[in-house]
Amino acid sequence: KFRAANNIITITNGNNAAAQFLNNLQSLRETQRTILEELKLAIANVNA
């Protein structure tokens, strides 16, 4: 009954693609936040 009610191919592969994509998104968000902090510093001192 459980196999009939769920995507058996995704489950039997044992790979959680959503979890991998979530890790990539979290990494990208941290990168954007880093760039945002650098821009704040640059605006404060354009010459530097």
All heavy atoms as atom14 arrays in JSON, in Angstrom:
{
  "sequence": "KFRAANNIITITNGNNAAAQFLNNLQSLRETQRTILEELKLAIANVNA",
  "atom14_mask": [
    [1, 1, 1, 1, 1, 1, 1, 1, 1, 0, 0, 0, 0, 0],
    [1, 1, 1, 1, 1, 1, 1, 1, 1, 1, 1, 0, 0, 0],
    [1, 1, 1, 1, 1, 1, 1, 1, 1, 1, 1, 0, 0, 0],
    [1, 1, 1, 1, 1, 0, 0, 0, 0, 0, 0, 0, 0, 0],
    [1, 1, 1, 1, 1, 0, 0, 0, 0, 0, 0, 0, 0, 0],
    [1, 1, 1, 1, 1, 1, 1, 1, 0, 0, 0, 0, 0, 0],
    [1, 1, 1, 1, 1, 1, 1, 1, 0, 0, 0, 0, 0, 0],
    [1, 1, 1, 1, 1, 1, 1, 1, 0, 0, 0, 0, 0, 0],
    [1, 1, 1, 1, 1, 1, 1, 1, 0, 0, 0, 0, 0, 0],
    [1, 1, 1, 1, 1, 1, 1, 0, 0, 0, 0, 0, 0, 0],
    [1, 1, 1, 1, 1, 1, 1, 1, 0, 0, 0, 0, 0, 0],
    [1, 1, 1, 1, 1, 1, 1, 0, 0, 0, 0, 0, 0, 0],
    [1, 1, 1, 1, 1, 1, 1, 1, 0, 0, 0, 0, 0, 0],
    [1, 1, 1, 1, 0, 0, 0, 0, 0, 0, 0, 0, 0, 0],
    [1, 1, 1, 1, 1, 1, 1, 1, 0, 0, 0, 0, 0, 0],
    [1, 1, 1, 1, 1, 1, 1, 1, 0, 0, 0, 0, 0, 0],
    [1, 1, 1, 1, 1, 0, 0, 0, 0, 0, 0, 0, 0, 0],
    [1, 1, 1, 1, 1, 0, 0, 0, 0, 0, 0, 0, 0, 0],
    [1, 1, 1, 1, 1, 0, 0, 0, 0, 0, 0, 0, 0, 0],
    [1, 1, 1, 1, 1, 1, 1, 1, 1, 0, 0, 0, 0, 0],
    [1, 1, 1, 1, 1, 1, 1, 1, 1, 1, 1, 0, 0, 0],
    [1, 1, 1, 1, 1, 1, 1, 1, 0, 0, 0, 0, 0, 0],
    [1, 1, 1, 1, 1, 1, 1, 1, 0, 0, 0, 0, 0, 0],
    [1, 1, 1, 1, 1, 1, 1, 1, 0, 0, 0, 0, 0, 0],
    [1, 1, 1, 1, 1, 1, 1, 1, 0, 0, 0, 0, 0, 0],
    [1, 1, 1, 1, 1, 1, 1, 1, 1, 0, 0, 0, 0, 0],
    [1, 1, 1, 1, 1, 1, 0, 0, 0, 0, 0, 0, 0, 0],
    [1, 1, 1, 1, 1, 1, 1, 1, 0, 0, 0, 0, 0, 0],
    [1, 1, 1, 1, 1, 1, 1, 1, 1, 1, 1, 0, 0, 0],
    [1, 1, 1, 1, 1, 1, 1, 1, 1, 0, 0, 0, 0, 0],
    [1, 1, 1, 1, 1, 1, 1, 0, 0, 0, 0, 0, 0, 0],
    [1, 1, 1, 1, 1, 1, 1, 1, 1, 0, 0, 0, 0, 0],
    [1, 1, 1, 1, 1, 1, 1, 1, 1, 1, 1, 0, 0, 0],
    [1, 1, 1, 1, 1, 1, 1, 0, 0, 0, 0, 0, 0, 0],
    [1, 1, 1, 1, 1, 1, 1, 1, 0, 0, 0, 0, 0, 0],
    [1, 1, 1, 1, 1, 1, 1, 1, 0, 0, 0, 0, 0, 0],
    [1, 1, 1, 1, 1, 1, 1, 1, 1, 0, 0, 0, 0, 0],
    [1, 1, 1, 1, 1, 1, 1, 1, 1, 0, 0, 0, 0, 0],
    [1, 1, 1, 1, 1, 1, 1, 1, 0, 0, 0, 0, 0, 0],
    [1, 1, 1, 1, 1, 1, 1, 1, 1, 0, 0, 0, 0, 0],
    [1, 1, 1, 1, 1, 1, 1, 1, 0, 0, 0, 0, 0, 0],
    [1, 1, 1, 1, 1, 0, 0, 0, 0, 0, 0, 0, 0, 0],
    [1, 1, 1, 1, 1, 1, 1, 1, 0, 0, 0, 0, 0, 0],
    [1, 1, 1, 1, 1, 0, 0, 0, 0, 0, 0, 0, 0, 0],
    [1, 1, 1, 1, 1, 1, 1, 1, 0, 0, 0, 0, 0, 0],
    [1, 1, 1, 1, 1, 1, 1, 0, 0, 0, 0, 0, 0, 0],
    [1, 1, 1, 1, 1, 1, 1, 1, 0, 0, 0, 0, 0, 0],
    [1, 1, 1, 1, 1, 0, 0, 0, 0, 0, 0, 0, 0, 0]
  ],
  "atom14_positions": [
    [[0.83, -1.21, 0.0], [0.0, 0.0, 0.0], [0.86, 1.26, 0.0], [0.54, 2.24, -0.69], [-0.91, -0.01, 1.22], [-2.02, -1.04, 1.16], [-2.89, -0.95, 2.4], [-4.02, -1.98, 2.34], [-4.9, -1.9, 3.54], [0.0, 0.0, 0.0], [0.0, 0.0, 0.0], [0.0, 0.0, 0.0], [0.0, 0.0, 0.0], [0.0, 0.0, 0.0]],
    [[1.94, 1.26, 0.73], [2.81, 2.44, 0.77], [3.46, 2.68, -0.59], [3.56, 3.82, -1.05], [3.88, 2.23, 1.84], [4.8, 3.4, 2.01], [4.43, 4.48, 2.79], [6.03, 3.44, 1.37], [5.28, 5.57, 2.94], [6.87, 4.53, 1.51], [6.49, 5.59, 2.3], [0.0, 0.0, 0.0], [0.0, 0.0, 0.0], [0.0, 0.0, 0.0]],
    [[3.92, 1.62, -1.23], [4.54, 1.78, -2.55], [3.55, 2.28, -3.59], [3.9, 3.05, -4.48], [5.16, 0.46, -2.99], [6.42, 0.08, -2.22], [6.95, -1.26, -2.68], [8.23, -1.56, -2.02], [8.91, -2.71, -2.2], [8.4, -3.66, -3.0], [10.06, -2.89, -1.58], [0.0, 0.0, 0.0], [0.0, 0.0, 0.0], [0.0, 0.0, 0.0]],
    [[2.3, 1.82, -3.47], [1.28, 2.26, -4.43], [0.94, 3.74, -4.24], [0.58, 4.43, -5.21], [0.02, 1.42, -4.28], [0.0, 0.0, 0.0], [0.0, 0.0, 0.0], [0.0, 0.0, 0.0], [0.0, 0.0, 0.0], [0.0, 0.0, 0.0], [0.0, 0.0, 0.0], [0.0, 0.0, 0.0], [0.0, 0.0, 0.0], [0.0, 0.0, 0.0]],
    [[1.06, 4.24, -3.03], [0.66, 5.63, -2.75], [1.81, 6.61, -2.93], [1.58, 7.83, -2.84], [0.12, 5.74, -1.34], [0.0, 0.0, 0.0], [0.0, 0.0, 0.0], [0.0, 0.0, 0.0], [0.0, 0.0, 0.0], [0.0, 0.0, 0.0], [0.0, 0.0, 0.0], [0.0, 0.0, 0.0], [0.0, 0.0, 0.0], [0.0, 0.0, 0.0]],
    [[3.03, 6.17, -3.2], [4.17, 7.06, -3.31], [4.99, 6.72, -4.55], [4.82, 5.65, -5.17], [5.07, 6.94, -2.07], [4.36, 7.37, -0.81], [4.31, 8.54, -0.49], [3.8, 6.41, -0.07], [0.0, 0.0, 0.0], [0.0, 0.0, 0.0], [0.0, 0.0, 0.0], [0.0, 0.0, 0.0], [0.0, 0.0, 0.0], [0.0, 0.0, 0.0]],
    [[5.87, 7.69, -4.93], [6.74, 7.51, -6.08], [7.81, 6.5, -5.7], [8.8, 6.83, -5.06], [7.37, 8.85, -6.48], [8.14, 8.74, -7.8], [8.3, 7.66, -8.36], [8.62, 9.88, -8.29], [0.0, 0.0, 0.0], [0.0, 0.0, 0.0], [0.0, 0.0, 0.0], [0.0, 0.0, 0.0], [0.0, 0.0, 0.0], [0.0, 0.0, 0.0]],
    [[7.61, 5.29, -6.12], [8.48, 4.22, -5.7], [9.88, 4.35, -6.27], [10.86, 3.93, -5.67], [7.85, 2.84, -6.08], [8.65, 1.71, -5.41], [7.83, 2.69, -7.59], [8.62, 1.78, -3.93], [0.0, 0.0, 0.0], [0.0, 0.0, 0.0], [0.0, 0.0, 0.0], [0.0, 0.0, 0.0], [0.0, 0.0, 0.0], [0.0, 0.0, 0.0]],
    [[10.0, 4.99, -7.46], [11.32, 5.12, -8.09], [12.2, 6.06, -7.28], [13.35, 5.77, -6.97], [11.17, 5.63, -9.54], [10.39, 4.6, -10.38], [12.54, 5.9, -10.16], [10.13, 5.05, -11.8], [0.0, 0.0, 0.0], [0.0, 0.0, 0.0], [0.0, 0.0, 0.0], [0.0, 0.0, 0.0], [0.0, 0.0, 0.0], [0.0, 0.0, 0.0]],
    [[11.61, 7.22, -6.88], [12.38, 8.18, -6.08], [12.76, 7.58, -4.73], [13.86, 7.77, -4.22], [11.56, 9.46, -5.88], [11.21, 9.99, -7.15], [12.37, 10.49, -5.1], [0.0, 0.0, 0.0], [0.0, 0.0, 0.0], [0.0, 0.0, 0.0], [0.0, 0.0, 0.0], [0.0, 0.0, 0.0], [0.0, 0.0, 0.0], [0.0, 0.0, 0.0]],
    [[11.82, 6.85, -4.17], [12.06, 6.29, -2.83], [13.1, 5.17, -2.88], [14.02, 5.11, -2.07], [10.74, 5.79, -2.23], [9.82, 6.99, -1.98], [10.97, 5.02, -0.95], [8.45, 6.61, -1.49], [0.0, 0.0, 0.0], [0.0, 0.0, 0.0], [0.0, 0.0, 0.0], [0.0, 0.0, 0.0], [0.0, 0.0, 0.0], [0.0, 0.0, 0.0]],
    [[12.96, 4.27, -3.86], [13.88, 3.13, -3.92], [15.29, 3.54, -4.31], [16.24, 2.84, -3.98], [13.35, 2.08, -4.92], [13.11, 2.74, -6.19], [12.06, 1.46, -4.44], [0.0, 0.0, 0.0], [0.0, 0.0, 0.0], [0.0, 0.0, 0.0], [0.0, 0.0, 0.0], [0.0, 0.0, 0.0], [0.0, 0.0, 0.0], [0.0, 0.0, 0.0]],
    [[15.44, 4.68, -5.05], [16.8, 5.15, -5.35], [17.53, 5.58, -4.09], [18.76, 5.58, -4.04], [16.76, 6.31, -6.34], [16.44, 5.82, -7.75], [16.66, 4.66, -8.08], [15.89, 6.71, -8.57], [0.0, 0.0, 0.0], [0.0, 0.0, 0.0], [0.0, 0.0, 0.0], [0.0, 0.0, 0.0], [0.0, 0.0, 0.0], [0.0, 0.0, 0.0]],
    [[16.76, 6.01, -3.12], [17.37, 6.41, -1.86], [18.03, 7.77, -1.91], [18.78, 8.13, -1.02], [0.0, 0.0, 0.0], [0.0, 0.0, 0.0], [0.0, 0.0, 0.0], [0.0, 0.0, 0.0], [0.0, 0.0, 0.0], [0.0, 0.0, 0.0], [0.0, 0.0, 0.0], [0.0, 0.0, 0.0], [0.0, 0.0, 0.0], [0.0, 0.0, 0.0]],
    [[17.8, 8.57, -3.01], [18.42, 9.88, -3.14], [17.38, 10.95, -2.88], [16.37, 11.04, -3.58], [19.01, 10.08, -4.54], [20.13, 9.09, -4.84], [20.89, 8.76, -3.94], [20.19, 8.61, -6.07], [0.0, 0.0, 0.0], [0.0, 0.0, 0.0], [0.0, 0.0, 0.0], [0.0, 0.0, 0.0], [0.0, 0.0, 0.0], [0.0, 0.0, 0.0]],
    [[17.61, 11.8, -1.99], [16.69, 12.89, -1.66], [17.18, 14.13, -2.42], [17.98, 14.91, -1.94], [16.69, 13.15, -0.15], [15.51, 13.99, 0.27], [14.96, 14.73, -0.53], [15.15, 13.9, 1.55], [0.0, 0.0, 0.0], [0.0, 0.0, 0.0], [0.0, 0.0, 0.0], [0.0, 0.0, 0.0], [0.0, 0.0, 0.0], [0.0, 0.0, 0.0]],
    [[16.66, 14.3, -3.73], [17.09, 15.42, -4.58], [16.71, 16.75, -3.96], [17.42, 17.75, -4.1], [16.47, 15.28, -5.98], [0.0, 0.0, 0.0], [0.0, 0.0, 0.0], [0.0, 0.0, 0.0], [0.0, 0.0, 0.0], [0.0, 0.0, 0.0], [0.0, 0.0, 0.0], [0.0, 0.0, 0.0], [0.0, 0.0, 0.0], [0.0, 0.0, 0.0]],
    [[15.57, 16.81, -3.31], [15.14, 18.06, -2.66], [16.14, 18.48, -1.6], [16.44, 19.67, -1.44], [13.75, 17.88, -2.06], [0.0, 0.0, 0.0], [0.0, 0.0, 0.0], [0.0, 0.0, 0.0], [0.0, 0.0, 0.0], [0.0, 0.0, 0.0], [0.0, 0.0, 0.0], [0.0, 0.0, 0.0], [0.0, 0.0, 0.0], [0.0, 0.0, 0.0]],
    [[16.69, 17.51, -0.87], [17.67, 17.84, 0.15], [18.96, 18.39, -0.47], [19.55, 19.35, 0.03], [17.97, 16.61, 1.0], [0.0, 0.0, 0.0], [0.0, 0.0, 0.0], [0.0, 0.0, 0.0], [0.0, 0.0, 0.0], [0.0, 0.0, 0.0], [0.0, 0.0, 0.0], [0.0, 0.0, 0.0], [0.0, 0.0, 0.0], [0.0, 0.0, 0.0]],
    [[19.39, 17.8, -1.62], [20.59, 18.29, -2.29], [20.38, 19.7, -2.85], [21.24, 20.58, -2.73], [21.0, 17.33, -3.41], [21.38, 15.93, -2.92], [21.72, 15.0, -4.05], [21.67, 15.39, -5.23], [22.06, 13.75, -3.71], [0.0, 0.0, 0.0], [0.0, 0.0, 0.0], [0.0, 0.0, 0.0], [0.0, 0.0, 0.0], [0.0, 0.0, 0.0]],
    [[19.22, 19.92, -3.49], [18.92, 21.25, -4.03], [18.82, 22.28, -2.91], [19.24, 23.44, -3.06], [17.6, 21.2, -4.82], [17.33, 22.44, -5.63], [18.05, 22.7, -6.8], [16.41, 23.37, -5.21], [17.82, 23.85, -7.53], [16.17, 24.52, -5.95], [16.88, 24.77, -7.12], [0.0, 0.0, 0.0], [0.0, 0.0, 0.0], [0.0, 0.0, 0.0]],
    [[18.29, 21.84, -1.74], [18.19, 22.73, -0.59], [19.58, 23.14, -0.1], [19.81, 24.32, 0.24], [17.42, 22.03, 0.54], [17.29, 22.81, 1.86], [16.5, 24.09, 1.64], [16.61, 21.95, 2.92], [0.0, 0.0, 0.0], [0.0, 0.0, 0.0], [0.0, 0.0, 0.0], [0.0, 0.0, 0.0], [0.0, 0.0, 0.0], [0.0, 0.0, 0.0]],
    [[20.53, 22.24, -0.11], [21.9, 22.57, 0.29], [22.51, 23.6, -0.65], [23.19, 24.54, -0.23], [22.77, 21.32, 0.32], [22.39, 20.38, 1.46], [21.86, 20.84, 2.48], [22.64, 19.09, 1.3], [0.0, 0.0, 0.0], [0.0, 0.0, 0.0], [0.0, 0.0, 0.0], [0.0, 0.0, 0.0], [0.0, 0.0, 0.0], [0.0, 0.0, 0.0]],
    [[22.23, 23.44, -1.98], [22.75, 24.4, -2.96], [22.16, 25.79, -2.75], [22.85, 26.81, -2.84], [22.48, 23.92, -4.38], [23.25, 22.65, -4.7], [24.32, 22.41, -4.12], [22.73, 21.83, -5.62], [0.0, 0.0, 0.0], [0.0, 0.0, 0.0], [0.0, 0.0, 0.0], [0.0, 0.0, 0.0], [0.0, 0.0, 0.0], [0.0, 0.0, 0.0]],
    [[20.84, 25.84, -2.48], [20.19, 27.13, -2.26], [20.74, 27.82, -1.01], [20.97, 29.04, -1.01], [18.68, 26.94, -2.12], [17.91, 26.57, -3.4], [16.44, 26.35, -3.08], [18.05, 27.65, -4.47], [0.0, 0.0, 0.0], [0.0, 0.0, 0.0], [0.0, 0.0, 0.0], [0.0, 0.0, 0.0], [0.0, 0.0, 0.0], [0.0, 0.0, 0.0]],
    [[20.94, 27.05, 0.03], [21.48, 27.64, 1.25], [22.9, 28.17, 1.03], [23.26, 29.23, 1.54], [21.48, 26.6, 2.37], [20.08, 26.24, 2.87], [20.09, 25.14, 3.89], [21.09, 24.43, 4.02], [18.97, 24.95, 4.6], [0.0, 0.0, 0.0], [0.0, 0.0, 0.0], [0.0, 0.0, 0.0], [0.0, 0.0, 0.0], [0.0, 0.0, 0.0]],
    [[23.7, 27.45, 0.24], [25.05, 27.92, -0.08], [25.0, 29.22, -0.88], [25.76, 30.16, -0.63], [25.81, 26.83, -0.84], [27.09, 27.29, -1.22], [0.0, 0.0, 0.0], [0.0, 0.0, 0.0], [0.0, 0.0, 0.0], [0.0, 0.0, 0.0], [0.0, 0.0, 0.0], [0.0, 0.0, 0.0], [0.0, 0.0, 0.0], [0.0, 0.0, 0.0]],
    [[24.11, 29.28, -1.86], [23.97, 30.48, -2.68], [23.49, 31.67, -1.85], [23.96, 32.8, -2.01], [22.99, 30.22, -3.83], [22.75, 31.38, -4.8], [24.06, 31.82, -5.46], [21.74, 30.99, -5.87], [0.0, 0.0, 0.0], [0.0, 0.0, 0.0], [0.0, 0.0, 0.0], [0.0, 0.0, 0.0], [0.0, 0.0, 0.0], [0.0, 0.0, 0.0]],
    [[22.57, 31.4, -0.91], [22.08, 32.49, -0.06], [23.21, 33.05, 0.8], [23.33, 34.27, 0.97], [20.96, 31.97, 0.82], [20.37, 33.04, 1.73], [19.27, 32.5, 2.59], [19.74, 31.42, 3.46], [18.98, 30.73, 4.3], [17.7, 31.02, 4.4], [19.49, 29.77, 5.04], [0.0, 0.0, 0.0], [0.0, 0.0, 0.0], [0.0, 0.0, 0.0]],
    [[24.07, 32.22, 1.31], [25.18, 32.69, 2.12], [26.14, 33.51, 1.27], [26.7, 34.52, 1.72], [25.9, 31.51, 2.77], [25.07, 30.75, 3.78], [24.59, 31.67, 4.89], [25.37, 32.56, 5.33], [23.44, 31.5, 5.33], [0.0, 0.0, 0.0], [0.0, 0.0, 0.0], [0.0, 0.0, 0.0], [0.0, 0.0, 0.0], [0.0, 0.0, 0.0]],
    [[26.33, 33.08, 0.0], [27.2, 33.86, -0.9], [26.64, 35.25, -1.15], [27.36, 36.26, -1.11], [27.38, 33.1, -2.22], [27.93, 31.81, -1.95], [28.31, 33.86, -3.16], [0.0, 0.0, 0.0], [0.0, 0.0, 0.0], [0.0, 0.0, 0.0], [0.0, 0.0, 0.0], [0.0, 0.0, 0.0], [0.0, 0.0, 0.0], [0.0, 0.0, 0.0]],
    [[25.33, 35.33, -1.41], [24.69, 36.63, -1.66], [24.76, 37.51, -0.43], [24.96, 38.73, -0.54], [23.23, 36.4, -2.07], [23.07, 35.69, -3.42], [23.67, 36.48, -4.58], [23.6, 37.72, -4.62], [24.29, 35.77, -5.52], [0.0, 0.0, 0.0], [0.0, 0.0, 0.0], [0.0, 0.0, 0.0], [0.0, 0.0, 0.0], [0.0, 0.0, 0.0]],
    [[24.61, 36.92, 0.74], [24.71, 37.72, 1.96], [26.12, 38.25, 2.16], [26.32, 39.38, 2.62], [24.31, 36.88, 3.16], [22.8, 36.63, 3.24], [22.47, 35.79, 4.44], [21.02, 35.63, 4.58], [20.42, 34.88, 5.52], [21.18, 34.24, 6.39], [19.11, 34.8, 5.57], [0.0, 0.0, 0.0], [0.0, 0.0, 0.0], [0.0, 0.0, 0.0]],
    [[27.12, 37.46, 1.76], [28.51, 37.92, 1.84], [28.74, 39.11, 0.9], [29.38, 40.11, 1.26], [29.46, 36.77, 1.5], [29.22, 35.68, 2.39], [30.92, 37.19, 1.62], [0.0, 0.0, 0.0], [0.0, 0.0, 0.0], [0.0, 0.0, 0.0], [0.0, 0.0, 0.0], [0.0, 0.0, 0.0], [0.0, 0.0, 0.0], [0.0, 0.0, 0.0]],
    [[28.23, 38.99, -0.33], [28.36, 40.1, -1.3], [27.67, 41.34, -0.78], [28.16, 42.47, -0.93], [27.79, 39.67, -2.67], [28.64, 38.51, -3.24], [27.77, 40.83, -3.64], [28.06, 37.91, -4.5], [0.0, 0.0, 0.0], [0.0, 0.0, 0.0], [0.0, 0.0, 0.0], [0.0, 0.0, 0.0], [0.0, 0.0, 0.0], [0.0, 0.0, 0.0]],
    [[26.48, 41.14, -0.15], [25.74, 42.27, 0.38], [26.54, 43.01, 1.45], [26.58, 44.26, 1.47], [24.41, 41.78, 0.95], [23.42, 42.86, 1.4], [23.01, 43.74, 0.22], [22.18, 42.22, 2.02], [0.0, 0.0, 0.0], [0.0, 0.0, 0.0], [0.0, 0.0, 0.0], [0.0, 0.0, 0.0], [0.0, 0.0, 0.0], [0.0, 0.0, 0.0]],
    [[27.23, 42.28, 2.31], [28.05, 42.91, 3.33], [29.22, 43.65, 2.71], [29.61, 44.74, 3.15], [28.54, 41.86, 4.32], [27.44, 41.22, 5.16], [26.72, 42.25, 6.02], [27.39, 43.2, 6.48], [25.51, 42.09, 6.22], [0.0, 0.0, 0.0], [0.0, 0.0, 0.0], [0.0, 0.0, 0.0], [0.0, 0.0, 0.0], [0.0, 0.0, 0.0]],
    [[29.82, 43.09, 1.65], [30.93, 43.76, 0.97], [30.48, 45.07, 0.33], [31.2, 46.08, 0.35], [31.55, 42.84, -0.08], [32.29, 41.64, 0.53], [32.85, 40.72, -0.54], [32.57, 40.98, -1.73], [33.56, 39.75, -0.19], [0.0, 0.0, 0.0], [0.0, 0.0, 0.0], [0.0, 0.0, 0.0], [0.0, 0.0, 0.0], [0.0, 0.0, 0.0]],
    [[29.27, 45.07, -0.24], [28.74, 46.29, -0.86], [28.52, 47.38, 0.19], [28.76, 48.56, -0.07], [27.45, 45.99, -1.6], [27.6, 45.2, -2.92], [26.24, 44.86, -3.49], [28.41, 45.99, -3.94], [0.0, 0.0, 0.0], [0.0, 0.0, 0.0], [0.0, 0.0, 0.0], [0.0, 0.0, 0.0], [0.0, 0.0, 0.0], [0.0, 0.0, 0.0]],
    [[28.04, 46.97, 1.36], [27.84, 47.95, 2.42], [29.16, 48.61, 2.8], [29.23, 49.82, 3.0], [27.21, 47.28, 3.64], [25.77, 46.87, 3.42], [25.22, 46.22, 4.68], [23.77, 45.78, 4.47], [23.21, 45.14, 5.69], [0.0, 0.0, 0.0], [0.0, 0.0, 0.0], [0.0, 0.0, 0.0], [0.0, 0.0, 0.0], [0.0, 0.0, 0.0]],
    [[30.21, 47.84, 2.88], [31.51, 48.4, 3.19], [32.02, 49.29, 2.07], [32.65, 50.34, 2.31], [32.51, 47.27, 3.47], [32.23, 46.4, 4.7], [33.23, 45.25, 4.77], [32.31, 47.24, 5.97], [0.0, 0.0, 0.0], [0.0, 0.0, 0.0], [0.0, 0.0, 0.0], [0.0, 0.0, 0.0], [0.0, 0.0, 0.0], [0.0, 0.0, 0.0]],
    [[31.79, 48.88, 0.81], [32.24, 49.67, -0.35], [31.53, 51.01, -0.41], [32.12, 52.04, -0.75], [32.03, 48.88, -1.63], [0.0, 0.0, 0.0], [0.0, 0.0, 0.0], [0.0, 0.0, 0.0], [0.0, 0.0, 0.0], [0.0, 0.0, 0.0], [0.0, 0.0, 0.0], [0.0, 0.0, 0.0], [0.0, 0.0, 0.0], [0.0, 0.0, 0.0]],
    [[30.22, 51.04, -0.13], [29.47, 52.3, -0.15], [30.01, 53.24, 0.91], [30.11, 54.46, 0.7], [27.97, 52.02, 0.04], [27.42, 51.3, -1.19], [27.2, 53.3, 0.31], [25.99, 50.83, -1.03], [0.0, 0.0, 0.0], [0.0, 0.0, 0.0], [0.0, 0.0, 0.0], [0.0, 0.0, 0.0], [0.0, 0.0, 0.0], [0.0, 0.0, 0.0]],
    [[30.37, 52.71, 2.02], [30.89, 53.56, 3.1], [32.22, 54.19, 2.72], [32.54, 55.31, 3.14], [31.02, 52.75, 4.38], [0.0, 0.0, 0.0], [0.0, 0.0, 0.0], [0.0, 0.0, 0.0], [0.0, 0.0, 0.0], [0.0, 0.0, 0.0], [0.0, 0.0, 0.0], [0.0, 0.0, 0.0], [0.0, 0.0, 0.0], [0.0, 0.0, 0.0]],
    [[33.04, 53.53, 1.9], [34.36, 54.05, 1.5], [34.63, 53.6, 0.08], [35.22, 52.55, -0.15], [35.43, 53.56, 2.46], [36.75, 54.31, 2.27], [36.96, 55.02, 1.29], [37.65, 54.13, 3.24], [0.0, 0.0, 0.0], [0.0, 0.0, 0.0], [0.0, 0.0, 0.0], [0.0, 0.0, 0.0], [0.0, 0.0, 0.0], [0.0, 0.0, 0.0]],
    [[34.16, 54.43, -0.86], [34.29, 54.07, -2.28], [35.75, 54.03, -2.68], [36.18, 53.13, -3.43], [33.49, 55.06, -3.15], [33.69, 54.75, -4.64], [32.03, 55.01, -2.79], [0.0, 0.0, 0.0], [0.0, 0.0, 0.0], [0.0, 0.0, 0.0], [0.0, 0.0, 0.0], [0.0, 0.0, 0.0], [0.0, 0.0, 0.0], [0.0, 0.0, 0.0]],
    [[36.54, 54.96, -2.21], [37.94, 55.04, -2.61], [38.69, 53.78, -2.2], [39.44, 53.2, -2.98], [38.58, 56.28, -1.99], [40.01, 56.48, -2.51], [40.31, 56.26, -3.68], [40.88, 56.91, -1.6], [0.0, 0.0, 0.0], [0.0, 0.0, 0.0], [0.0, 0.0, 0.0], [0.0, 0.0, 0.0], [0.0, 0.0, 0.0], [0.0, 0.0, 0.0]],
    [[38.47, 53.32, -0.93], [39.14, 52.11, -0.47], [38.66, 50.9, -1.26], [39.44, 50.01, -1.59], [38.88, 51.91, 1.02], [0.0, 0.0, 0.0], [0.0, 0.0, 0.0], [0.0, 0.0, 0.0], [0.0, 0.0, 0.0], [0.0, 0.0, 0.0], [0.0, 0.0, 0.0], [0.0, 0.0, 0.0], [0.0, 0.0, 0.0], [0.0, 0.0, 0.0]]
  ]
}
